[in-house]
């Protein structure tokens, strides 16, 4: 069966440990483009965090699946980011998460992602590290107000602390009965939270529809 669409992860897949893209991949993607096979990037990153990689691979004409599939967007050329698919976190559960962190884990860094924007309550060492990795700068604001007033859709939370603290937080959140949220460690000290309906498979299904391709699972 001919390949019609490729969905590829970024970190640990097409980027090495120095965040460099293999030159051979650029040539392969160029060949795929000539064969009209879309090469679509998927990542836990935001649209802005993925854009430089899409530029380097010359795939700005293709959609991208952000936040592990919580948000799928197209129209990267002008940074319009038209939405194809969006799964947002439950506001009540986000407020519950914030309360637990403030009461029990005050040193944990809270990062909130909405569309192409990254929000933080303050710039700490973890935010500086993440900014260096993604080449994106956060918007510093009152996160509690941002959430309680429903100012933006919430596609992902990233909670960062030392490893032991982050893993205790993970267990505490799992024990707190939040059925609409999914918790997972992308690194030993990186706790990511998305809507429980989010998956890269669902993003791939939606992308297949976008390209008019029939979905079959083998």
N, C-alpha and C. Protein backbone atom coordinates (compact mmCIF):
# COMPACT_ATOMS: atom_id res chain seq x y z
N UNK A 1 0.84 -1.20 0.00
CA UNK A 1 0.00 0.00 0.00
C UNK A 1 0.88 1.25 0.00
N UNK A 2 0.55 2.20 -0.85
CA UNK A 2 1.33 3.43 -0.96
C UNK A 2 1.12 4.31 0.27
N UNK A 3 2.19 4.99 0.68
CA UNK A 3 2.10 5.92 1.81
C UNK A 3 1.43 7.20 1.33
N UNK A 4 0.39 7.64 2.05
CA UNK A 4 -0.36 8.83 1.66
C UNK A 4 -0.12 10.01 2.60
N UNK A 5 0.30 9.73 3.84
CA UNK A 5 0.45 10.78 4.85
C UNK A 5 1.40 10.28 5.93
N UNK A 6 2.32 11.14 6.38
CA UNK A 6 3.24 10.77 7.46
C UNK A 6 3.07 11.77 8.60
N UNK A 7 2.84 11.24 9.80
CA UNK A 7 2.76 12.04 11.02
C UNK A 7 3.98 11.70 11.86
N UNK A 8 4.82 12.68 12.16
CA UNK A 8 6.07 12.42 12.87
C UNK A 8 6.18 13.24 14.15
N UNK A 9 6.61 12.58 15.22
CA UNK A 9 6.94 13.27 16.46
C UNK A 9 8.21 14.10 16.23
N UNK A 10 8.52 14.97 17.17
CA UNK A 10 9.69 15.84 17.03
C UNK A 10 10.79 15.45 18.01
N UNK A 11 10.57 15.71 19.29
CA UNK A 11 11.62 15.47 20.29
C UNK A 11 11.90 13.99 20.44
N UNK A 12 13.17 13.63 20.28
CA UNK A 12 13.57 12.24 20.39
C UNK A 12 13.30 11.42 19.15
N UNK A 13 12.73 12.06 18.12
CA UNK A 13 12.44 11.36 16.87
C UNK A 13 13.18 12.00 15.70
N UNK A 14 12.88 13.25 15.40
CA UNK A 14 13.60 13.91 14.30
C UNK A 14 14.64 14.90 14.82
N UNK A 15 14.62 15.17 16.14
CA UNK A 15 15.65 16.02 16.75
C UNK A 15 16.56 15.16 17.61
N UNK A 16 17.87 15.42 17.54
CA UNK A 16 18.78 14.70 18.42
C UNK A 16 18.83 15.38 19.79
N UNK A 17 19.71 14.93 20.67
CA UNK A 17 19.76 15.49 22.02
C UNK A 17 20.27 16.92 22.06
N UNK A 18 20.73 17.43 20.91
CA UNK A 18 21.16 18.83 20.82
C UNK A 18 20.13 19.66 20.04
N UNK A 19 18.94 19.08 19.84
CA UNK A 19 17.85 19.75 19.13
C UNK A 19 18.21 20.10 17.68
N UNK A 20 18.97 19.22 17.04
CA UNK A 20 19.39 19.43 15.66
C UNK A 20 18.68 18.42 14.76
N UNK A 21 18.21 18.89 13.59
CA UNK A 21 17.55 18.02 12.61
C UNK A 21 18.60 17.37 11.73
N UNK A 22 18.47 16.08 11.53
CA UNK A 22 19.40 15.35 10.66
C UNK A 22 19.26 15.84 9.21
N UNK A 23 20.39 16.08 8.56
CA UNK A 23 20.37 16.59 7.18
C UNK A 23 19.72 15.60 6.22
N UNK A 24 19.86 14.32 6.51
CA UNK A 24 19.23 13.30 5.67
C UNK A 24 17.73 13.39 5.68
N UNK A 25 17.17 13.80 6.83
CA UNK A 25 15.71 13.94 6.93
C UNK A 25 15.21 15.06 6.02
N UNK A 26 15.95 16.15 5.96
CA UNK A 26 15.54 17.26 5.09
C UNK A 26 15.43 16.80 3.64
N UNK A 27 16.37 15.99 3.21
CA UNK A 27 16.34 15.47 1.85
C UNK A 27 15.15 14.53 1.65
N UNK A 28 14.88 13.70 2.67
CA UNK A 28 13.76 12.75 2.58
C UNK A 28 12.43 13.49 2.51
N UNK A 29 12.28 14.53 3.32
CA UNK A 29 11.03 15.30 3.32
C UNK A 29 10.86 16.01 1.98
N UNK A 30 11.96 16.49 1.41
CA UNK A 30 11.91 17.12 0.10
C UNK A 30 11.41 16.15 -0.97
N UNK A 31 11.87 14.90 -0.88
CA UNK A 31 11.42 13.88 -1.83
C UNK A 31 9.93 13.56 -1.63
N UNK A 32 9.50 13.51 -0.37
CA UNK A 32 8.08 13.27 -0.08
C UNK A 32 7.21 14.37 -0.67
N UNK A 33 7.71 15.60 -0.58
CA UNK A 33 6.96 16.74 -1.11
C UNK A 33 6.78 16.60 -2.62
N UNK A 34 7.81 16.14 -3.31
CA UNK A 34 7.72 15.94 -4.75
C UNK A 34 6.72 14.85 -5.10
N UNK A 35 6.54 13.90 -4.17
CA UNK A 35 5.59 12.80 -4.38
C UNK A 35 4.20 13.13 -3.84
N UNK A 36 4.02 14.37 -3.37
CA UNK A 36 2.73 14.83 -2.83
C UNK A 36 2.30 14.03 -1.60
N UNK A 37 3.29 13.64 -0.78
CA UNK A 37 3.01 12.95 0.48
C UNK A 37 3.24 13.95 1.62
N UNK A 38 2.20 14.41 2.30
CA UNK A 38 2.38 15.39 3.38
C UNK A 38 3.17 14.81 4.55
N UNK A 39 4.13 15.59 5.03
CA UNK A 39 4.90 15.24 6.23
C UNK A 39 4.43 16.19 7.33
N UNK A 40 3.67 15.65 8.27
CA UNK A 40 3.01 16.47 9.29
C UNK A 40 3.70 16.27 10.64
N UNK A 41 4.06 17.37 11.27
CA UNK A 41 4.73 17.31 12.56
C UNK A 41 3.72 17.20 13.70
N UNK A 42 4.07 16.40 14.71
CA UNK A 42 3.24 16.25 15.91
C UNK A 42 4.15 16.36 17.12
N UNK A 43 3.68 17.07 18.14
CA UNK A 43 4.54 17.30 19.29
C UNK A 43 3.73 17.75 20.49
N UNK A 44 4.35 17.70 21.66
CA UNK A 44 3.75 18.30 22.86
C UNK A 44 3.96 19.81 22.85
N UNK A 45 4.73 20.31 21.90
CA UNK A 45 5.04 21.74 21.83
C UNK A 45 3.84 22.56 21.34
N UNK A 46 3.97 23.87 21.50
CA UNK A 46 2.97 24.82 20.99
C UNK A 46 3.20 25.07 19.51
N UNK A 47 2.25 25.72 18.82
CA UNK A 47 2.49 26.08 17.41
C UNK A 47 3.76 26.90 17.23
N UNK A 48 3.98 27.88 18.12
CA UNK A 48 5.18 28.71 18.01
C UNK A 48 6.44 27.89 18.23
N UNK A 49 6.37 26.92 19.13
CA UNK A 49 7.52 26.07 19.39
C UNK A 49 7.84 25.13 18.25
N UNK A 50 6.82 24.82 17.43
CA UNK A 50 7.00 23.91 16.30
C UNK A 50 7.35 24.64 15.01
N UNK A 51 6.99 25.91 14.93
CA UNK A 51 7.15 26.67 13.70
C UNK A 51 8.58 26.68 13.15
N UNK A 52 9.62 26.91 13.99
CA UNK A 52 10.98 26.93 13.45
C UNK A 52 11.39 25.60 12.80
N UNK A 53 10.89 24.50 13.35
CA UNK A 53 11.22 23.18 12.80
C UNK A 53 10.49 22.98 11.48
N UNK A 54 9.23 23.42 11.43
CA UNK A 54 8.47 23.33 10.19
C UNK A 54 9.14 24.16 9.09
N UNK A 55 9.69 25.30 9.47
CA UNK A 55 10.40 26.15 8.49
C UNK A 55 11.64 25.44 7.97
N UNK A 56 12.41 24.85 8.87
CA UNK A 56 13.65 24.18 8.46
C UNK A 56 13.38 23.00 7.53
N UNK A 57 12.25 22.34 7.74
CA UNK A 57 11.90 21.19 6.90
C UNK A 57 11.08 21.60 5.67
N UNK A 58 10.75 22.89 5.58
CA UNK A 58 9.96 23.41 4.47
C UNK A 58 8.61 22.70 4.36
N UNK A 59 7.91 22.61 5.50
CA UNK A 59 6.58 21.99 5.51
C UNK A 59 5.53 22.96 6.05
N UNK A 60 5.71 24.24 5.81
CA UNK A 60 4.77 25.24 6.30
C UNK A 60 3.41 25.14 5.63
N UNK A 61 3.34 24.45 4.49
CA UNK A 61 2.06 24.27 3.81
C UNK A 61 1.21 23.18 4.48
N UNK A 62 1.82 22.40 5.37
CA UNK A 62 1.11 21.30 6.01
C UNK A 62 0.60 21.70 7.40
N UNK A 63 -0.45 21.05 7.89
CA UNK A 63 -0.90 21.30 9.27
C UNK A 63 0.14 20.80 10.27
N UNK A 64 -0.04 21.14 11.54
CA UNK A 64 0.77 20.60 12.62
C UNK A 64 -0.16 20.20 13.77
N UNK A 65 0.22 19.12 14.45
CA UNK A 65 -0.55 18.64 15.61
C UNK A 65 0.21 19.04 16.87
N UNK A 66 -0.34 19.98 17.61
CA UNK A 66 0.33 20.54 18.78
C UNK A 66 -0.22 19.94 20.08
N UNK A 67 0.55 20.08 21.15
CA UNK A 67 0.12 19.61 22.47
C UNK A 67 -0.35 18.16 22.41
N UNK A 68 0.41 17.33 21.68
CA UNK A 68 0.11 15.90 21.52
C UNK A 68 -1.25 15.62 20.91
N UNK A 69 -1.74 16.58 20.12
CA UNK A 69 -3.02 16.39 19.44
C UNK A 69 -4.17 17.17 20.05
N UNK A 70 -3.92 17.94 21.11
CA UNK A 70 -4.98 18.75 21.70
C UNK A 70 -5.39 19.88 20.75
N UNK A 71 -4.47 20.28 19.88
CA UNK A 71 -4.74 21.35 18.93
C UNK A 71 -4.06 21.01 17.60
N UNK A 72 -4.86 20.98 16.54
CA UNK A 72 -4.32 20.78 15.20
C UNK A 72 -4.65 22.02 14.39
N UNK A 73 -3.62 22.64 13.81
CA UNK A 73 -3.81 23.89 13.08
C UNK A 73 -3.16 23.82 11.70
N UNK A 74 -3.62 24.71 10.82
CA UNK A 74 -3.03 24.86 9.49
C UNK A 74 -2.77 26.35 9.25
N UNK A 75 -2.38 26.70 8.03
CA UNK A 75 -2.08 28.09 7.66
C UNK A 75 -0.91 28.64 8.47
N UNK A 76 0.21 27.94 8.43
CA UNK A 76 1.39 28.35 9.19
C UNK A 76 2.13 29.52 8.53
N UNK A 77 1.96 29.68 7.23
CA UNK A 77 2.75 30.66 6.50
C UNK A 77 2.64 32.06 7.10
N UNK A 78 1.44 32.49 7.39
CA UNK A 78 1.22 33.83 7.93
C UNK A 78 0.93 33.82 9.43
N UNK A 79 1.16 32.67 10.06
CA UNK A 79 0.88 32.50 11.49
C UNK A 79 -0.60 32.75 11.82
N UNK A 80 -1.47 32.39 10.88
CA UNK A 80 -2.91 32.53 11.16
C UNK A 80 -3.41 31.42 12.07
N UNK A 81 -2.79 30.25 11.94
CA UNK A 81 -3.11 29.09 12.77
C UNK A 81 -4.61 28.79 12.80
N UNK A 82 -5.18 28.53 11.64
CA UNK A 82 -6.60 28.14 11.57
C UNK A 82 -6.78 26.78 12.22
N UNK A 83 -7.80 26.65 13.06
CA UNK A 83 -8.00 25.44 13.84
C UNK A 83 -8.70 24.35 13.05
N UNK A 84 -8.12 23.15 13.07
CA UNK A 84 -8.74 21.96 12.50
C UNK A 84 -9.40 21.14 13.60
N UNK A 85 -8.71 21.05 14.75
CA UNK A 85 -9.19 20.25 15.88
C UNK A 85 -8.74 20.92 17.17
N UNK A 86 -9.63 20.96 18.18
CA UNK A 86 -9.28 21.57 19.46
C UNK A 86 -9.94 20.83 20.61
N UNK A 87 -9.12 20.34 21.55
CA UNK A 87 -9.61 19.73 22.79
C UNK A 87 -9.08 20.57 23.95
N UNK A 88 -9.98 21.14 24.74
CA UNK A 88 -9.56 22.05 25.80
C UNK A 88 -9.75 21.42 27.18
N UNK A 89 -8.96 21.88 28.14
CA UNK A 89 -9.08 21.40 29.51
C UNK A 89 -10.33 21.97 30.17
N UNK A 90 -10.87 21.21 31.11
CA UNK A 90 -12.02 21.64 31.90
C UNK A 90 -11.56 22.70 32.90
N UNK A 91 -12.21 23.87 32.89
CA UNK A 91 -11.79 24.99 33.73
C UNK A 91 -11.87 24.64 35.21
N UNK A 92 -12.92 23.96 35.62
CA UNK A 92 -13.06 23.59 37.03
C UNK A 92 -11.91 22.71 37.49
N UNK A 93 -11.50 21.77 36.64
CA UNK A 93 -10.38 20.90 36.99
C UNK A 93 -9.06 21.66 37.01
N UNK A 94 -8.91 22.62 36.11
CA UNK A 94 -7.70 23.45 36.12
C UNK A 94 -7.62 24.25 37.42
N UNK A 95 -8.73 24.81 37.85
CA UNK A 95 -8.75 25.56 39.11
C UNK A 95 -8.41 24.65 40.28
N UNK A 96 -8.88 23.41 40.23
CA UNK A 96 -8.57 22.43 41.27
C UNK A 96 -7.07 22.12 41.29
N UNK A 97 -6.49 21.98 40.10
CA UNK A 97 -5.05 21.72 39.99
C UNK A 97 -4.25 22.88 40.57
N UNK A 98 -4.64 24.10 40.22
CA UNK A 98 -3.95 25.28 40.74
C UNK A 98 -4.00 25.33 42.26
N UNK A 99 -5.16 25.00 42.83
CA UNK A 99 -5.32 25.05 44.29
C UNK A 99 -4.40 24.04 44.97
N UNK A 100 -4.30 22.85 44.40
CA UNK A 100 -3.43 21.81 44.97
C UNK A 100 -1.97 22.26 44.92
N UNK A 101 -1.56 22.84 43.80
CA UNK A 101 -0.17 23.29 43.66
C UNK A 101 0.13 24.42 44.65
N UNK A 102 -0.76 25.39 44.73
CA UNK A 102 -0.53 26.54 45.61
C UNK A 102 -0.45 26.12 47.08
N UNK A 103 -1.25 25.13 47.46
CA UNK A 103 -1.28 24.70 48.86
C UNK A 103 -0.16 23.73 49.22
N UNK A 104 0.20 22.85 48.28
CA UNK A 104 1.12 21.77 48.62
C UNK A 104 2.45 21.79 47.86
N UNK A 105 2.48 22.44 46.68
CA UNK A 105 3.69 22.40 45.86
C UNK A 105 4.00 23.80 45.31
N UNK A 106 4.22 24.77 46.19
CA UNK A 106 4.38 26.17 45.74
C UNK A 106 5.61 26.42 44.87
N UNK A 107 6.58 25.50 44.89
CA UNK A 107 7.79 25.70 44.08
C UNK A 107 7.66 25.15 42.67
N UNK A 108 6.54 24.48 42.38
CA UNK A 108 6.34 23.94 41.04
C UNK A 108 5.97 25.06 40.07
N UNK A 109 6.60 25.06 38.92
CA UNK A 109 6.36 26.07 37.89
C UNK A 109 5.13 25.69 37.07
N UNK A 110 4.16 26.61 36.96
CA UNK A 110 2.94 26.37 36.19
C UNK A 110 3.04 27.09 34.85
N UNK A 111 2.88 26.33 33.77
CA UNK A 111 2.91 26.88 32.42
C UNK A 111 1.59 26.52 31.74
N UNK A 112 0.89 27.53 31.24
CA UNK A 112 -0.41 27.33 30.60
C UNK A 112 -0.31 27.67 29.12
N UNK A 113 -0.83 26.78 28.28
CA UNK A 113 -0.75 26.97 26.84
C UNK A 113 -2.15 27.09 26.24
N UNK A 114 -2.32 28.13 25.45
CA UNK A 114 -3.60 28.39 24.78
C UNK A 114 -3.32 28.79 23.34
N UNK A 115 -3.77 27.97 22.39
CA UNK A 115 -3.46 28.28 21.01
C UNK A 115 -1.95 28.38 20.82
N UNK A 116 -1.49 29.49 20.29
CA UNK A 116 -0.05 29.68 20.08
C UNK A 116 0.62 30.40 21.24
N UNK A 117 -0.14 30.71 22.30
CA UNK A 117 0.39 31.51 23.41
C UNK A 117 0.78 30.65 24.61
N UNK A 118 1.81 31.12 25.30
CA UNK A 118 2.34 30.46 26.50
C UNK A 118 2.26 31.46 27.65
N UNK A 119 1.55 31.09 28.71
CA UNK A 119 1.34 31.98 29.86
C UNK A 119 2.00 31.41 31.12
N UNK A 120 2.60 32.29 31.90
CA UNK A 120 3.17 31.90 33.20
C UNK A 120 2.81 32.97 34.22
N UNK A 121 2.83 32.57 35.50
CA UNK A 121 2.59 33.54 36.56
C UNK A 121 3.83 34.34 36.90
N UNK A 122 5.00 33.72 36.66
CA UNK A 122 6.28 34.38 36.91
C UNK A 122 7.35 33.66 36.10
N UNK A 123 8.46 34.34 35.89
CA UNK A 123 9.59 33.73 35.18
C UNK A 123 10.55 33.17 36.22
N UNK A 124 10.65 31.84 36.27
CA UNK A 124 11.58 31.18 37.18
C UNK A 124 12.61 30.41 36.35
N UNK A 125 13.46 29.64 37.01
CA UNK A 125 14.52 28.94 36.28
C UNK A 125 13.96 27.92 35.29
N UNK A 126 12.82 27.31 35.64
CA UNK A 126 12.24 26.31 34.74
C UNK A 126 11.68 26.98 33.49
N UNK A 127 11.08 28.14 33.65
CA UNK A 127 10.56 28.89 32.50
C UNK A 127 11.71 29.31 31.59
N UNK A 128 12.81 29.74 32.19
CA UNK A 128 13.98 30.15 31.40
C UNK A 128 14.54 28.99 30.59
N UNK A 129 14.57 27.81 31.20
CA UNK A 129 15.07 26.62 30.49
C UNK A 129 14.15 26.28 29.32
N UNK A 130 12.84 26.32 29.56
CA UNK A 130 11.88 25.98 28.51
C UNK A 130 11.92 27.01 27.38
N UNK A 131 12.10 28.27 27.73
CA UNK A 131 12.20 29.32 26.71
C UNK A 131 13.43 29.11 25.83
N UNK A 132 14.51 28.66 26.44
CA UNK A 132 15.74 28.40 25.68
C UNK A 132 15.56 27.22 24.73
N UNK A 133 14.82 26.21 25.17
CA UNK A 133 14.59 25.02 24.34
C UNK A 133 13.68 25.35 23.16
N UNK A 134 12.57 26.04 23.43
CA UNK A 134 11.55 26.27 22.41
C UNK A 134 11.75 27.56 21.62
N UNK A 135 12.65 28.44 22.09
CA UNK A 135 12.88 29.74 21.46
C UNK A 135 11.61 30.60 21.45
N UNK A 136 10.79 30.41 22.47
CA UNK A 136 9.54 31.16 22.61
C UNK A 136 9.56 31.89 23.95
N UNK A 137 8.95 33.07 24.00
CA UNK A 137 8.89 33.83 25.24
C UNK A 137 7.46 33.79 25.80
N UNK A 138 7.32 33.59 27.12
CA UNK A 138 5.99 33.50 27.71
C UNK A 138 5.37 34.87 27.97
N UNK A 139 4.06 34.86 28.15
CA UNK A 139 3.31 36.04 28.58
C UNK A 139 3.13 35.91 30.09
N UNK A 140 3.63 36.88 30.85
CA UNK A 140 3.51 36.83 32.31
C UNK A 140 2.19 37.49 32.71
N UNK A 141 1.37 36.75 33.44
CA UNK A 141 0.04 37.25 33.81
C UNK A 141 -0.45 36.56 35.07
N UNK A 142 -1.60 36.96 35.56
CA UNK A 142 -2.25 36.33 36.71
C UNK A 142 -2.98 35.09 36.18
N UNK A 143 -2.42 33.91 36.42
CA UNK A 143 -3.00 32.69 35.86
C UNK A 143 -4.37 32.38 36.44
N UNK A 144 -4.55 32.63 37.73
CA UNK A 144 -5.84 32.36 38.36
C UNK A 144 -6.95 33.19 37.71
N UNK A 145 -6.66 34.45 37.46
CA UNK A 145 -7.64 35.33 36.81
C UNK A 145 -7.88 34.91 35.37
N UNK A 146 -6.82 34.55 34.69
CA UNK A 146 -6.91 34.11 33.29
C UNK A 146 -7.88 32.94 33.16
N UNK A 147 -7.78 32.01 34.12
CA UNK A 147 -8.62 30.81 34.08
C UNK A 147 -10.03 31.09 34.58
N UNK A 148 -10.15 31.75 35.73
CA UNK A 148 -11.48 31.95 36.34
C UNK A 148 -12.39 32.82 35.48
N UNK A 149 -11.80 33.73 34.71
CA UNK A 149 -12.60 34.60 33.85
C UNK A 149 -12.77 34.03 32.44
N UNK A 150 -12.30 32.79 32.25
CA UNK A 150 -12.45 32.11 30.95
C UNK A 150 -11.92 32.98 29.81
N UNK A 151 -10.76 33.60 30.04
CA UNK A 151 -10.23 34.53 29.04
C UNK A 151 -9.69 33.83 27.80
N UNK A 152 -9.19 32.61 27.98
CA UNK A 152 -8.61 31.87 26.85
C UNK A 152 -8.95 30.38 26.97
N UNK A 153 -9.00 29.66 25.85
CA UNK A 153 -9.11 28.20 25.93
C UNK A 153 -7.80 27.62 26.45
N UNK A 154 -7.86 26.56 27.21
CA UNK A 154 -6.65 25.97 27.79
C UNK A 154 -6.38 24.63 27.13
N UNK A 155 -5.32 24.57 26.34
CA UNK A 155 -5.00 23.34 25.62
C UNK A 155 -4.04 22.43 26.38
N UNK A 156 -3.18 23.03 27.21
CA UNK A 156 -2.24 22.20 27.95
C UNK A 156 -1.71 22.94 29.16
N UNK A 157 -1.45 22.19 30.23
CA UNK A 157 -0.67 22.68 31.36
C UNK A 157 0.63 21.89 31.39
N UNK A 158 1.73 22.59 31.65
CA UNK A 158 3.02 21.95 31.87
C UNK A 158 3.50 22.36 33.26
N UNK A 159 3.67 21.37 34.13
CA UNK A 159 4.10 21.62 35.50
C UNK A 159 5.53 21.09 35.66
N UNK A 160 6.44 21.96 36.12
CA UNK A 160 7.85 21.59 36.20
C UNK A 160 8.39 21.87 37.60
N UNK A 161 9.12 20.91 38.14
CA UNK A 161 9.77 21.08 39.43
C UNK A 161 10.92 20.10 39.52
N UNK A 162 11.42 19.87 40.72
CA UNK A 162 12.43 18.82 40.83
C UNK A 162 11.73 17.47 40.67
N UNK A 163 12.49 16.45 40.34
CA UNK A 163 11.91 15.17 39.96
C UNK A 163 11.02 14.56 41.04
N UNK A 164 11.51 14.51 42.26
CA UNK A 164 10.73 13.89 43.34
C UNK A 164 9.42 14.63 43.58
N UNK A 165 9.49 15.94 43.60
CA UNK A 165 8.30 16.76 43.85
C UNK A 165 7.27 16.60 42.72
N UNK A 166 7.76 16.61 41.49
CA UNK A 166 6.86 16.48 40.33
C UNK A 166 6.16 15.14 40.33
N UNK A 167 6.86 14.09 40.69
CA UNK A 167 6.25 12.77 40.68
C UNK A 167 5.28 12.58 41.84
N UNK A 168 5.53 13.24 42.96
CA UNK A 168 4.55 13.22 44.05
C UNK A 168 3.29 13.99 43.64
N UNK A 169 3.49 15.09 42.93
CA UNK A 169 2.37 15.88 42.44
C UNK A 169 1.53 15.05 41.46
N UNK A 170 2.19 14.33 40.58
CA UNK A 170 1.47 13.47 39.63
C UNK A 170 0.55 12.50 40.36
N UNK A 171 1.07 11.83 41.37
CA UNK A 171 0.25 10.87 42.11
C UNK A 171 -0.90 11.57 42.83
N UNK A 172 -0.61 12.74 43.38
CA UNK A 172 -1.66 13.49 44.08
C UNK A 172 -2.78 13.91 43.15
N UNK A 173 -2.44 14.32 41.94
CA UNK A 173 -3.46 14.73 40.97
C UNK A 173 -4.27 13.53 40.49
N UNK A 174 -3.59 12.41 40.29
CA UNK A 174 -4.31 11.20 39.87
C UNK A 174 -5.31 10.75 40.93
N UNK A 175 -4.97 10.99 42.20
CA UNK A 175 -5.84 10.60 43.30
C UNK A 175 -7.00 11.57 43.52
N UNK A 176 -6.98 12.69 42.80
CA UNK A 176 -7.95 13.76 43.05
C UNK A 176 -9.21 13.68 42.19
N UNK A 177 -9.35 12.62 41.42
CA UNK A 177 -10.57 12.38 40.65
C UNK A 177 -10.90 13.53 39.70
N UNK A 178 -10.11 13.64 38.64
CA UNK A 178 -10.37 14.63 37.60
C UNK A 178 -10.53 13.88 36.28
N UNK A 179 -11.74 13.41 35.98
CA UNK A 179 -11.95 12.51 34.84
C UNK A 179 -11.72 13.13 33.47
N UNK A 180 -11.76 14.46 33.38
CA UNK A 180 -11.60 15.09 32.06
C UNK A 180 -10.16 15.50 31.77
N UNK A 181 -9.25 15.15 32.68
CA UNK A 181 -7.84 15.50 32.50
C UNK A 181 -6.97 14.26 32.42
N UNK A 182 -5.95 14.34 31.58
CA UNK A 182 -4.99 13.25 31.43
C UNK A 182 -3.62 13.74 31.88
N UNK A 183 -2.93 12.94 32.71
CA UNK A 183 -1.65 13.34 33.29
C UNK A 183 -0.55 12.38 32.81
N UNK A 184 0.57 12.94 32.39
CA UNK A 184 1.69 12.07 32.01
C UNK A 184 3.01 12.83 32.13
N UNK A 185 4.07 12.08 32.38
CA UNK A 185 5.41 12.66 32.49
C UNK A 185 6.11 12.56 31.14
N UNK A 186 6.43 13.71 30.55
CA UNK A 186 7.20 13.71 29.30
C UNK A 186 8.70 13.65 29.60
N UNK A 187 9.08 14.08 30.79
CA UNK A 187 10.42 13.93 31.35
C UNK A 187 10.21 13.61 32.83
N UNK A 188 11.22 13.13 33.53
CA UNK A 188 11.03 12.81 34.95
C UNK A 188 10.48 13.96 35.79
N UNK A 189 10.76 15.21 35.38
CA UNK A 189 10.28 16.36 36.15
C UNK A 189 9.33 17.26 35.35
N UNK A 190 8.84 16.76 34.21
CA UNK A 190 7.90 17.51 33.37
C UNK A 190 6.55 16.79 33.39
N UNK A 191 5.56 17.39 34.04
CA UNK A 191 4.23 16.81 34.11
C UNK A 191 3.31 17.57 33.16
N UNK A 192 2.79 16.88 32.16
CA UNK A 192 1.93 17.51 31.16
C UNK A 192 0.49 17.08 31.38
N UNK A 193 -0.42 18.03 31.21
CA UNK A 193 -1.85 17.77 31.42
C UNK A 193 -2.63 18.26 30.21
N UNK A 194 -3.41 17.36 29.63
CA UNK A 194 -4.29 17.72 28.52
C UNK A 194 -5.66 17.11 28.76
N UNK A 195 -6.60 17.45 27.92
CA UNK A 195 -7.93 16.85 27.98
C UNK A 195 -7.80 15.33 27.81
N UNK A 196 -8.60 14.58 28.54
CA UNK A 196 -8.51 13.12 28.50
C UNK A 196 -8.87 12.54 27.14
N UNK A 197 -9.50 13.33 26.28
CA UNK A 197 -9.86 12.86 24.94
C UNK A 197 -8.72 13.01 23.93
N UNK A 198 -7.63 13.62 24.35
CA UNK A 198 -6.54 13.92 23.42
C UNK A 198 -5.71 12.67 23.12
N UNK A 199 -5.41 12.48 21.84
CA UNK A 199 -4.47 11.43 21.43
C UNK A 199 -3.95 11.76 20.04
N UNK A 200 -2.75 11.29 19.74
CA UNK A 200 -2.20 11.52 18.41
C UNK A 200 -2.96 10.71 17.36
N UNK A 201 -3.55 9.59 17.78
CA UNK A 201 -4.34 8.81 16.83
C UNK A 201 -5.56 9.60 16.37
N UNK A 202 -6.23 10.29 17.31
CA UNK A 202 -7.39 11.09 16.93
C UNK A 202 -6.98 12.25 16.03
N UNK A 203 -5.81 12.82 16.33
CA UNK A 203 -5.30 13.90 15.47
C UNK A 203 -5.03 13.37 14.07
N UNK A 204 -4.47 12.16 13.99
CA UNK A 204 -4.18 11.55 12.68
C UNK A 204 -5.47 11.29 11.91
N UNK A 205 -6.51 10.84 12.61
CA UNK A 205 -7.80 10.61 11.95
C UNK A 205 -8.34 11.91 11.35
N UNK A 206 -8.22 13.00 12.12
CA UNK A 206 -8.72 14.29 11.65
C UNK A 206 -7.90 14.79 10.46
N UNK A 207 -6.59 14.55 10.52
CA UNK A 207 -5.73 14.95 9.41
C UNK A 207 -6.05 14.15 8.15
N UNK A 208 -6.35 12.87 8.33
CA UNK A 208 -6.72 12.04 7.19
C UNK A 208 -7.96 12.62 6.51
N UNK A 209 -8.93 13.07 7.31
CA UNK A 209 -10.13 13.70 6.75
C UNK A 209 -9.77 14.96 5.98
N UNK A 210 -8.85 15.75 6.55
CA UNK A 210 -8.43 17.00 5.91
C UNK A 210 -7.86 16.75 4.52
N UNK A 211 -7.14 15.65 4.38
CA UNK A 211 -6.53 15.32 3.09
C UNK A 211 -7.41 14.40 2.24
N UNK A 212 -8.63 14.13 2.72
CA UNK A 212 -9.54 13.29 1.95
C UNK A 212 -9.10 11.85 1.86
N UNK A 213 -8.43 11.36 2.91
CA UNK A 213 -7.92 9.99 2.91
C UNK A 213 -8.81 9.09 3.76
N UNK A 214 -9.03 7.88 3.31
CA UNK A 214 -9.79 6.91 4.08
C UNK A 214 -8.93 6.39 5.22
N UNK A 215 -9.53 6.22 6.40
CA UNK A 215 -8.80 5.73 7.57
C UNK A 215 -8.95 4.22 7.68
N UNK A 216 -7.84 3.53 7.80
CA UNK A 216 -7.90 2.09 8.06
C UNK A 216 -6.81 1.74 9.05
N UNK A 217 -7.16 0.92 10.04
CA UNK A 217 -6.20 0.54 11.06
C UNK A 217 -5.80 -0.91 10.85
N UNK A 218 -4.49 -1.16 10.74
CA UNK A 218 -4.02 -2.52 10.47
C UNK A 218 -3.14 -3.01 11.60
